[in-house]
Amino acid sequence: MKSEINKTDFSNFVIDIKQKILSKQYEALKSVNKELISLYWDIGKSIVQKQESLGWGKAVVKVLSQELQKEFVGMKGFSVQNLWNMRLFYKEYGENEKLQTLSREIAWSHNVAIFTKAKNELEREFYIKMVLKFGWSYRVLDNQIDNKSYEKFLQKQTNFDFYPRLIHTKAQLLLKSRYDRL
């Protein structure tokens, strides 16, 4: 004998299954992104190594782009500009393991914005961590970089937190008013 399905139980069951599907889709996307970033890293590294060891010039990037686009018809990502970005990605993050690891956690477009616009490793790390923490879209990230959020963040750093609240507030106001007059 079949029992009657409780609508609330079934509704909760469906919600649970949907959440599992969405969670696994998200995990799959993260995995694909990490592999794509890893591929772009390897391509950038290969370009740099060949240019350095064999003395290849700039033309190699254009020819490589043409060859890859012929082989992988319809697959995006192998334009001349993107190959130059891969090369720059490797050059800019090559010496910094922390940035290498963090960069695999965000989308390629975010990485490009960061390593082409941020001036140093600390600024790059800041923006990567902000993307991870706040889930910034590319446009938000681009605006944050253009608005110099990193510099503004640094300007707000003080050691006033060690003082009682009243002194802390007064010190911040004093410092702010001094900089406002400059």
N, C-alpha and C. Protein backbone atom coordinates (compact mmCIF):
# COMPACT_ATOMS: atom_id res chain seq x y z
N MET A 1 0.83 -1.17 0.00
CA MET A 1 0.00 0.00 0.00
C MET A 1 0.88 1.24 0.00
N LYS A 2 0.62 2.16 -0.90
CA LYS A 2 1.39 3.40 -1.02
C LYS A 2 0.93 4.41 0.01
N SER A 3 1.92 5.09 0.56
CA SER A 3 1.55 6.14 1.51
C SER A 3 1.42 7.46 0.75
N GLU A 4 0.65 8.32 1.30
CA GLU A 4 0.41 9.64 0.71
C GLU A 4 1.68 10.48 0.87
N ILE A 5 2.05 11.22 -0.19
CA ILE A 5 3.22 12.09 -0.13
C ILE A 5 2.83 13.38 0.56
N ASN A 6 3.60 13.68 1.60
CA ASN A 6 3.40 14.93 2.31
C ASN A 6 3.98 16.06 1.46
N LYS A 7 3.18 17.07 1.14
CA LYS A 7 3.60 18.14 0.25
C LYS A 7 4.79 18.92 0.82
N THR A 8 4.81 19.15 2.09
CA THR A 8 5.92 19.88 2.71
C THR A 8 7.20 19.08 2.62
N ASP A 9 7.12 17.77 2.93
CA ASP A 9 8.30 16.91 2.85
C ASP A 9 8.82 16.85 1.42
N PHE A 10 7.91 16.72 0.47
CA PHE A 10 8.32 16.64 -0.93
C PHE A 10 8.93 17.97 -1.39
N SER A 11 8.34 19.07 -1.00
CA SER A 11 8.86 20.39 -1.35
C SER A 11 10.27 20.57 -0.81
N ASN A 12 10.48 20.17 0.43
CA ASN A 12 11.82 20.26 1.03
C ASN A 12 12.81 19.34 0.32
N PHE A 13 12.33 18.17 -0.08
CA PHE A 13 13.15 17.21 -0.82
C PHE A 13 13.60 17.82 -2.15
N VAL A 14 12.69 18.44 -2.87
CA VAL A 14 13.01 19.06 -4.16
C VAL A 14 14.01 20.20 -3.96
N ILE A 15 13.79 21.03 -2.96
CA ILE A 15 14.71 22.13 -2.67
C ILE A 15 16.10 21.60 -2.38
N ASP A 16 16.19 20.53 -1.61
CA ASP A 16 17.47 19.92 -1.28
C ASP A 16 18.19 19.41 -2.53
N ILE A 17 17.47 18.75 -3.40
CA ILE A 17 18.06 18.21 -4.64
C ILE A 17 18.53 19.38 -5.53
N LYS A 18 17.74 20.41 -5.64
CA LYS A 18 18.12 21.57 -6.45
C LYS A 18 19.40 22.20 -5.91
N GLN A 19 19.49 22.31 -4.59
CA GLN A 19 20.69 22.89 -3.97
C GLN A 19 21.93 22.03 -4.27
N LYS A 20 21.76 20.73 -4.23
CA LYS A 20 22.88 19.83 -4.54
C LYS A 20 23.34 20.01 -5.98
N ILE A 21 22.38 20.13 -6.89
CA ILE A 21 22.71 20.32 -8.30
C ILE A 21 23.46 21.64 -8.49
N LEU A 22 22.93 22.72 -7.93
CA LEU A 22 23.57 24.03 -8.05
C LEU A 22 24.97 24.03 -7.44
N SER A 23 25.11 23.37 -6.30
CA SER A 23 26.40 23.31 -5.64
C SER A 23 27.43 22.59 -6.51
N LYS A 24 27.02 21.47 -7.10
CA LYS A 24 27.95 20.70 -7.94
C LYS A 24 28.25 21.46 -9.24
N GLN A 25 27.28 22.17 -9.78
CA GLN A 25 27.54 22.99 -10.96
C GLN A 25 28.58 24.06 -10.65
N TYR A 26 28.43 24.69 -9.49
CA TYR A 26 29.39 25.71 -9.07
C TYR A 26 30.78 25.11 -8.89
N GLU A 27 30.86 23.96 -8.26
CA GLU A 27 32.15 23.30 -8.06
C GLU A 27 32.79 22.94 -9.40
N ALA A 28 31.97 22.50 -10.36
CA ALA A 28 32.48 22.17 -11.69
C ALA A 28 33.03 23.41 -12.38
N LEU A 29 32.32 24.53 -12.27
CA LEU A 29 32.79 25.78 -12.88
C LEU A 29 34.11 26.23 -12.25
N LYS A 30 34.22 26.11 -10.94
CA LYS A 30 35.46 26.48 -10.26
C LYS A 30 36.61 25.60 -10.75
N SER A 31 36.35 24.34 -10.92
CA SER A 31 37.37 23.41 -11.38
C SER A 31 37.81 23.74 -12.81
N VAL A 32 36.85 24.01 -13.67
CA VAL A 32 37.16 24.38 -15.05
C VAL A 32 37.98 25.66 -15.07
N ASN A 33 37.60 26.64 -14.25
CA ASN A 33 38.33 27.91 -14.20
C ASN A 33 39.78 27.69 -13.77
N LYS A 34 39.98 26.86 -12.75
CA LYS A 34 41.35 26.60 -12.28
C LYS A 34 42.19 25.97 -13.39
N GLU A 35 41.59 25.05 -14.12
CA GLU A 35 42.32 24.40 -15.22
C GLU A 35 42.61 25.39 -16.34
N LEU A 36 41.68 26.26 -16.65
CA LEU A 36 41.89 27.26 -17.69
C LEU A 36 43.02 28.21 -17.30
N ILE A 37 43.00 28.68 -16.06
CA ILE A 37 44.05 29.57 -15.58
C ILE A 37 45.39 28.85 -15.61
N SER A 38 45.40 27.58 -15.24
CA SER A 38 46.62 26.78 -15.28
C SER A 38 47.14 26.64 -16.72
N LEU A 39 46.22 26.41 -17.65
CA LEU A 39 46.60 26.32 -19.07
C LEU A 39 47.20 27.64 -19.54
N TYR A 40 46.55 28.75 -19.22
CA TYR A 40 47.04 30.06 -19.64
C TYR A 40 48.41 30.34 -19.02
N TRP A 41 48.61 29.91 -17.78
CA TRP A 41 49.90 30.05 -17.12
C TRP A 41 50.97 29.28 -17.91
N ASP A 42 50.66 28.03 -18.24
CA ASP A 42 51.61 27.18 -18.97
C ASP A 42 51.94 27.75 -20.35
N ILE A 43 50.93 28.26 -21.04
CA ILE A 43 51.17 28.86 -22.36
C ILE A 43 52.06 30.09 -22.21
N GLY A 44 51.73 30.95 -21.25
CA GLY A 44 52.55 32.15 -21.01
C GLY A 44 53.98 31.78 -20.68
N LYS A 45 54.15 30.78 -19.84
CA LYS A 45 55.49 30.31 -19.45
C LYS A 45 56.25 29.78 -20.67
N SER A 46 55.56 29.01 -21.50
CA SER A 46 56.20 28.45 -22.70
C SER A 46 56.65 29.54 -23.65
N ILE A 47 55.82 30.55 -23.83
CA ILE A 47 56.19 31.67 -24.71
C ILE A 47 57.43 32.37 -24.18
N VAL A 48 57.42 32.69 -22.89
CA VAL A 48 58.57 33.37 -22.27
C VAL A 48 59.83 32.53 -22.41
N GLN A 49 59.74 31.25 -22.11
CA GLN A 49 60.92 30.38 -22.16
C GLN A 49 61.48 30.27 -23.57
N LYS A 50 60.61 30.14 -24.56
CA LYS A 50 61.09 30.03 -25.94
C LYS A 50 61.71 31.34 -26.40
N GLN A 51 61.10 32.45 -26.03
CA GLN A 51 61.67 33.74 -26.41
C GLN A 51 63.04 33.94 -25.77
N GLU A 52 63.18 33.52 -24.52
CA GLU A 52 64.45 33.72 -23.83
C GLU A 52 65.52 32.72 -24.29
N SER A 53 65.15 31.46 -24.44
CA SER A 53 66.16 30.45 -24.76
C SER A 53 66.51 30.40 -26.25
N LEU A 54 65.53 30.70 -27.11
CA LEU A 54 65.79 30.59 -28.54
C LEU A 54 65.85 31.96 -29.24
N GLY A 55 65.62 33.00 -28.47
CA GLY A 55 65.70 34.34 -29.05
C GLY A 55 64.54 34.69 -29.97
N TRP A 56 63.42 34.00 -29.81
CA TRP A 56 62.26 34.31 -30.64
C TRP A 56 61.75 35.70 -30.30
N GLY A 57 61.30 36.41 -31.31
CA GLY A 57 60.78 37.77 -31.11
C GLY A 57 59.27 37.80 -30.95
N LYS A 58 58.71 38.96 -31.19
CA LYS A 58 57.28 39.18 -31.02
C LYS A 58 56.43 38.40 -32.02
N ALA A 59 56.98 38.12 -33.17
CA ALA A 59 56.22 37.46 -34.23
C ALA A 59 55.71 36.08 -33.82
N VAL A 60 56.41 35.44 -32.89
CA VAL A 60 56.01 34.11 -32.46
C VAL A 60 54.58 34.12 -31.91
N VAL A 61 54.19 35.19 -31.24
CA VAL A 61 52.86 35.25 -30.63
C VAL A 61 51.79 35.31 -31.72
N LYS A 62 52.02 36.09 -32.74
CA LYS A 62 51.05 36.20 -33.84
C LYS A 62 50.91 34.86 -34.58
N VAL A 63 52.02 34.24 -34.87
CA VAL A 63 52.00 32.96 -35.60
C VAL A 63 51.36 31.87 -34.73
N LEU A 64 51.70 31.84 -33.45
CA LEU A 64 51.11 30.87 -32.54
C LEU A 64 49.60 31.06 -32.47
N SER A 65 49.15 32.29 -32.41
CA SER A 65 47.72 32.58 -32.38
C SER A 65 47.03 32.03 -33.62
N GLN A 66 47.61 32.27 -34.76
CA GLN A 66 47.03 31.77 -36.02
C GLN A 66 46.95 30.25 -36.03
N GLU A 67 48.02 29.59 -35.60
CA GLU A 67 48.05 28.13 -35.58
C GLU A 67 47.02 27.55 -34.61
N LEU A 68 46.92 28.14 -33.44
CA LEU A 68 45.96 27.65 -32.44
C LEU A 68 44.52 27.86 -32.91
N GLN A 69 44.26 29.00 -33.53
CA GLN A 69 42.91 29.27 -34.01
C GLN A 69 42.52 28.36 -35.16
N LYS A 70 43.50 27.95 -35.97
CA LYS A 70 43.22 26.99 -37.05
C LYS A 70 42.88 25.61 -36.47
N GLU A 71 43.63 25.23 -35.45
CA GLU A 71 43.45 23.90 -34.85
C GLU A 71 42.20 23.82 -33.99
N PHE A 72 41.92 24.87 -33.24
CA PHE A 72 40.80 24.87 -32.30
C PHE A 72 39.74 25.87 -32.75
N VAL A 73 39.14 25.57 -33.89
CA VAL A 73 38.15 26.44 -34.52
C VAL A 73 36.97 26.67 -33.56
N GLY A 74 36.63 27.93 -33.40
CA GLY A 74 35.50 28.28 -32.55
C GLY A 74 35.83 28.39 -31.07
N MET A 75 37.02 27.96 -30.69
CA MET A 75 37.42 28.05 -29.29
C MET A 75 38.04 29.43 -29.05
N LYS A 76 37.48 30.15 -28.11
CA LYS A 76 37.97 31.49 -27.81
C LYS A 76 39.18 31.41 -26.89
N GLY A 77 39.93 32.48 -26.85
CA GLY A 77 41.02 32.57 -25.90
C GLY A 77 42.40 32.55 -26.52
N PHE A 78 42.50 32.35 -27.82
CA PHE A 78 43.82 32.26 -28.44
C PHE A 78 44.11 33.41 -29.39
N SER A 79 43.51 34.55 -29.12
CA SER A 79 43.80 35.74 -29.92
C SER A 79 45.22 36.20 -29.61
N VAL A 80 45.76 37.05 -30.48
CA VAL A 80 47.09 37.59 -30.26
C VAL A 80 47.13 38.31 -28.92
N GLN A 81 46.13 39.15 -28.66
CA GLN A 81 46.09 39.91 -27.41
C GLN A 81 46.04 39.00 -26.20
N ASN A 82 45.25 37.95 -26.27
CA ASN A 82 45.14 37.06 -25.11
C ASN A 82 46.44 36.27 -24.89
N LEU A 83 47.13 35.91 -25.96
CA LEU A 83 48.43 35.25 -25.80
C LEU A 83 49.44 36.20 -25.15
N TRP A 84 49.40 37.47 -25.54
CA TRP A 84 50.27 38.45 -24.87
C TRP A 84 49.89 38.56 -23.39
N ASN A 85 48.59 38.50 -23.10
CA ASN A 85 48.15 38.54 -21.70
C ASN A 85 48.66 37.32 -20.93
N MET A 86 48.65 36.15 -21.56
CA MET A 86 49.17 34.95 -20.91
C MET A 86 50.64 35.10 -20.60
N ARG A 87 51.36 35.66 -21.54
CA ARG A 87 52.80 35.89 -21.35
C ARG A 87 53.02 36.86 -20.18
N LEU A 88 52.26 37.94 -20.16
CA LEU A 88 52.38 38.93 -19.09
C LEU A 88 51.96 38.34 -17.75
N PHE A 89 50.92 37.52 -17.75
CA PHE A 89 50.46 36.83 -16.55
C PHE A 89 51.60 36.04 -15.92
N TYR A 90 52.28 35.27 -16.74
CA TYR A 90 53.41 34.50 -16.24
C TYR A 90 54.53 35.41 -15.75
N LYS A 91 54.86 36.44 -16.51
CA LYS A 91 55.94 37.35 -16.14
C LYS A 91 55.63 38.08 -14.82
N GLU A 92 54.40 38.51 -14.65
CA GLU A 92 54.04 39.31 -13.48
C GLU A 92 53.89 38.46 -12.21
N TYR A 93 53.43 37.22 -12.34
CA TYR A 93 53.18 36.39 -11.16
C TYR A 93 54.23 35.30 -10.98
N GLY A 94 55.17 35.19 -11.89
CA GLY A 94 56.13 34.10 -11.90
C GLY A 94 56.96 33.94 -10.65
N GLU A 95 57.26 35.03 -9.99
CA GLU A 95 58.12 34.99 -8.81
C GLU A 95 57.33 34.94 -7.50
N ASN A 96 56.00 34.99 -7.58
CA ASN A 96 55.20 35.10 -6.37
C ASN A 96 54.23 33.92 -6.27
N GLU A 97 54.57 32.93 -5.46
CA GLU A 97 53.73 31.74 -5.33
C GLU A 97 52.34 32.06 -4.79
N LYS A 98 52.26 33.03 -3.90
CA LYS A 98 50.97 33.40 -3.32
C LYS A 98 50.03 33.91 -4.41
N LEU A 99 50.54 34.78 -5.28
CA LEU A 99 49.71 35.29 -6.38
C LEU A 99 49.38 34.19 -7.38
N GLN A 100 50.32 33.30 -7.61
CA GLN A 100 50.06 32.17 -8.52
C GLN A 100 48.87 31.36 -8.01
N THR A 101 48.85 31.08 -6.72
CA THR A 101 47.78 30.29 -6.12
C THR A 101 46.46 31.05 -6.12
N LEU A 102 46.49 32.29 -5.65
CA LEU A 102 45.27 33.10 -5.58
C LEU A 102 44.66 33.34 -6.96
N SER A 103 45.51 33.53 -7.96
CA SER A 103 45.01 33.86 -9.30
C SER A 103 44.15 32.74 -9.89
N ARG A 104 44.34 31.53 -9.43
CA ARG A 104 43.55 30.40 -9.93
C ARG A 104 42.15 30.35 -9.35
N GLU A 105 41.89 31.21 -8.38
CA GLU A 105 40.59 31.25 -7.72
C GLU A 105 39.62 32.25 -8.35
N ILE A 106 40.13 33.08 -9.26
CA ILE A 106 39.26 34.09 -9.89
C ILE A 106 39.28 33.92 -11.40
N ALA A 107 38.34 34.54 -12.06
CA ALA A 107 38.20 34.41 -13.52
C ALA A 107 39.36 35.06 -14.26
N TRP A 108 39.58 34.62 -15.47
CA TRP A 108 40.66 35.14 -16.29
C TRP A 108 40.50 36.64 -16.52
N SER A 109 39.31 37.10 -16.81
CA SER A 109 39.10 38.53 -17.07
C SER A 109 39.48 39.36 -15.84
N HIS A 110 39.20 38.84 -14.65
CA HIS A 110 39.58 39.52 -13.42
C HIS A 110 41.11 39.58 -13.30
N ASN A 111 41.75 38.46 -13.59
CA ASN A 111 43.20 38.42 -13.54
C ASN A 111 43.82 39.43 -14.49
N VAL A 112 43.31 39.48 -15.71
CA VAL A 112 43.85 40.42 -16.70
C VAL A 112 43.72 41.86 -16.20
N ALA A 113 42.56 42.20 -15.68
CA ALA A 113 42.37 43.56 -15.15
C ALA A 113 43.38 43.85 -14.05
N ILE A 114 43.61 42.88 -13.19
CA ILE A 114 44.51 43.10 -12.05
C ILE A 114 45.97 43.19 -12.48
N PHE A 115 46.45 42.22 -13.27
CA PHE A 115 47.88 42.28 -13.58
C PHE A 115 48.23 43.33 -14.62
N THR A 116 47.26 43.86 -15.35
CA THR A 116 47.57 44.93 -16.29
C THR A 116 47.43 46.32 -15.67
N LYS A 117 46.63 46.43 -14.59
CA LYS A 117 46.38 47.75 -14.02
C LYS A 117 47.03 47.98 -12.66
N ALA A 118 47.17 46.94 -11.86
CA ALA A 118 47.75 47.10 -10.52
C ALA A 118 49.26 47.27 -10.65
N LYS A 119 49.82 48.11 -9.80
CA LYS A 119 51.22 48.51 -9.95
C LYS A 119 52.22 47.56 -9.30
N ASN A 120 51.80 46.81 -8.28
CA ASN A 120 52.76 45.96 -7.58
C ASN A 120 52.06 44.73 -7.02
N GLU A 121 52.86 43.84 -6.44
CA GLU A 121 52.33 42.56 -5.94
C GLU A 121 51.33 42.73 -4.81
N LEU A 122 51.57 43.67 -3.91
CA LEU A 122 50.65 43.87 -2.79
C LEU A 122 49.30 44.38 -3.28
N GLU A 123 49.33 45.26 -4.24
CA GLU A 123 48.07 45.77 -4.81
C GLU A 123 47.32 44.65 -5.53
N ARG A 124 48.05 43.82 -6.25
CA ARG A 124 47.42 42.69 -6.95
C ARG A 124 46.79 41.73 -5.95
N GLU A 125 47.51 41.43 -4.89
CA GLU A 125 46.98 40.54 -3.86
C GLU A 125 45.71 41.14 -3.24
N PHE A 126 45.75 42.42 -2.96
CA PHE A 126 44.58 43.11 -2.39
C PHE A 126 43.35 42.92 -3.28
N TYR A 127 43.49 43.20 -4.56
CA TYR A 127 42.34 43.12 -5.46
C TYR A 127 41.86 41.67 -5.64
N ILE A 128 42.76 40.72 -5.72
CA ILE A 128 42.34 39.32 -5.82
C ILE A 128 41.54 38.93 -4.59
N LYS A 129 42.05 39.30 -3.41
CA LYS A 129 41.35 38.95 -2.17
C LYS A 129 39.99 39.64 -2.07
N MET A 130 39.88 40.85 -2.59
CA MET A 130 38.60 41.55 -2.56
C MET A 130 37.59 40.88 -3.50
N VAL A 131 38.08 40.42 -4.65
CA VAL A 131 37.20 39.69 -5.57
C VAL A 131 36.69 38.43 -4.89
N LEU A 132 37.59 37.72 -4.23
CA LEU A 132 37.20 36.49 -3.54
C LEU A 132 36.25 36.77 -2.38
N LYS A 133 36.53 37.81 -1.62
CA LYS A 133 35.73 38.11 -0.44
C LYS A 133 34.34 38.64 -0.78
N PHE A 134 34.28 39.54 -1.77
CA PHE A 134 33.02 40.22 -2.06
C PHE A 134 32.35 39.76 -3.35
N GLY A 135 33.00 38.88 -4.10
CA GLY A 135 32.41 38.36 -5.33
C GLY A 135 32.23 39.44 -6.40
N TRP A 136 33.18 40.38 -6.47
CA TRP A 136 33.07 41.46 -7.45
C TRP A 136 33.01 40.93 -8.87
N SER A 137 32.12 41.51 -9.66
CA SER A 137 32.09 41.24 -11.09
C SER A 137 33.29 41.93 -11.73
N TYR A 138 33.53 41.65 -12.99
CA TYR A 138 34.63 42.30 -13.69
C TYR A 138 34.46 43.81 -13.68
N ARG A 139 33.25 44.27 -13.96
CA ARG A 139 33.00 45.73 -14.01
C ARG A 139 33.23 46.40 -12.66
N VAL A 140 32.78 45.74 -11.60
CA VAL A 140 33.00 46.30 -10.26
C VAL A 140 34.50 46.36 -9.97
N LEU A 141 35.20 45.28 -10.26
CA LEU A 141 36.65 45.25 -10.05
C LEU A 141 37.33 46.36 -10.84
N ASP A 142 36.99 46.49 -12.10
CA ASP A 142 37.58 47.50 -12.96
C ASP A 142 37.35 48.90 -12.38
N ASN A 143 36.13 49.15 -11.90
CA ASN A 143 35.82 50.45 -11.29
C ASN A 143 36.61 50.65 -10.00
N GLN A 144 36.75 49.59 -9.20
CA GLN A 144 37.51 49.69 -7.96
C GLN A 144 38.97 50.04 -8.24
N ILE A 145 39.53 49.42 -9.26
CA ILE A 145 40.92 49.71 -9.62
C ILE A 145 41.03 51.15 -10.13
N ASP A 146 40.12 51.53 -11.02
CA ASP A 146 40.15 52.90 -11.57
C ASP A 146 39.95 53.95 -10.48
N ASN A 147 39.17 53.62 -9.45
CA ASN A 147 38.92 54.56 -8.35
C ASN A 147 39.99 54.48 -7.26
N LYS A 148 41.02 53.68 -7.52
CA LYS A 148 42.16 53.58 -6.61
C LYS A 148 41.77 53.12 -5.20
N SER A 149 40.95 52.09 -5.14
CA SER A 149 40.49 51.56 -3.85
C SER A 149 41.65 51.08 -2.98
N TYR A 150 42.66 50.53 -3.59
CA TYR A 150 43.81 50.05 -2.83
C TYR A 150 44.50 51.22 -2.13
N GLU A 151 44.75 52.30 -2.86
CA GLU A 151 45.40 53.46 -2.26
C GLU A 151 44.54 54.04 -1.14
N LYS A 152 43.23 54.09 -1.35
CA LYS A 152 42.33 54.60 -0.32
C LYS A 152 42.33 53.70 0.91
N PHE A 153 42.39 52.41 0.68
CA PHE A 153 42.47 51.46 1.79
C PHE A 153 43.74 51.71 2.61
N LEU A 154 44.86 51.90 1.92
CA LEU A 154 46.13 52.15 2.62
C LEU A 154 46.10 53.45 3.41
N GLN A 155 45.45 54.45 2.87
CA GLN A 155 45.37 55.74 3.56
C GLN A 155 44.57 55.65 4.85
N LYS A 156 43.66 54.71 4.93
CA LYS A 156 42.82 54.56 6.12
C LYS A 156 43.49 53.73 7.21
N GLN A 157 44.63 53.13 6.89
CA GLN A 157 45.32 52.29 7.87
C GLN A 157 45.99 53.16 8.92
N THR A 158 45.71 52.90 10.18
CA THR A 158 46.35 53.60 11.30
C THR A 158 46.62 52.59 12.41
N ASN A 159 47.34 53.03 13.40
CA ASN A 159 47.53 52.19 14.58
C ASN A 159 46.68 52.71 15.74
N PHE A 160 45.65 53.49 15.42
CA PHE A 160 44.80 54.09 16.43
C PHE A 160 43.91 53.07 17.15
N ASP A 161 43.77 51.88 16.60
CA ASP A 161 42.90 50.88 17.21
C ASP A 161 43.39 50.44 18.59
N PHE A 162 44.65 50.72 18.90
CA PHE A 162 45.20 50.34 20.19
C PHE A 162 44.79 51.30 21.31
N TYR A 163 44.23 52.43 20.93
CA TYR A 163 43.86 53.45 21.91
C TYR A 163 42.39 53.33 22.30
N PRO A 164 42.02 53.90 23.44
CA PRO A 164 40.59 53.90 23.80
C PRO A 164 39.76 54.56 22.71
N ARG A 165 38.50 54.20 22.64
CA ARG A 165 37.61 54.61 21.56
C ARG A 165 37.58 56.14 21.35
N LEU A 166 37.48 56.92 22.40
CA LEU A 166 37.40 58.36 22.29
C LEU A 166 38.68 58.93 21.65
N ILE A 167 39.83 58.48 22.12
CA ILE A 167 41.10 58.95 21.55
C ILE A 167 41.23 58.49 20.11
N HIS A 168 40.82 57.26 19.85
CA HIS A 168 40.85 56.70 18.49
C HIS A 168 40.07 57.59 17.53
N THR A 169 38.85 57.95 17.89
CA THR A 169 37.99 58.77 17.03
C THR A 169 38.59 60.16 16.83
N LYS A 170 39.07 60.77 17.90
CA LYS A 170 39.66 62.11 17.80
C LYS A 170 40.90 62.09 16.91
N ALA A 171 41.72 61.08 17.07
CA ALA A 171 42.94 60.98 16.26
C ALA A 171 42.61 60.83 14.79
N GLN A 172 41.60 60.02 14.48
CA GLN A 172 41.20 59.85 13.09
C GLN A 172 40.67 61.15 12.51
N LEU A 173 39.86 61.86 13.26
CA LEU A 173 39.32 63.14 12.80
C LEU A 173 40.42 64.17 12.60
N LEU A 174 41.37 64.21 13.50
CA LEU A 174 42.49 65.13 13.38
C LEU A 174 43.30 64.83 12.14
N LEU A 175 43.62 63.55 11.95
CA LEU A 175 44.39 63.15 10.78
C LEU A 175 43.63 63.47 9.50
N LYS A 176 42.34 63.19 9.48
CA LYS A 176 41.52 63.46 8.31
C LYS A 176 41.51 64.95 7.99
N SER A 177 41.32 65.79 9.01
CA SER A 177 41.23 67.22 8.75
C SER A 177 42.58 67.77 8.26
N ARG A 178 43.70 67.20 8.74
CA ARG A 178 45.00 67.64 8.25
C ARG A 178 45.17 67.31 6.77
N TYR A 179 44.74 66.12 6.35
CA TYR A 179 44.89 65.73 4.96
C TYR A 179 43.90 66.46 4.06
N ASP A 180 42.75 66.80 4.60
CA ASP A 180 41.78 67.54 3.80
C ASP A 180 42.29 68.91 3.43
N ARG A 181 43.14 69.51 4.27
CA ARG A 181 43.67 70.84 4.01
C ARG A 181 44.82 70.81 3.01
N LEU A 182 45.42 69.67 2.79
CA LEU A 182 46.58 69.61 1.87
C LEU A 182 46.18 69.72 0.43
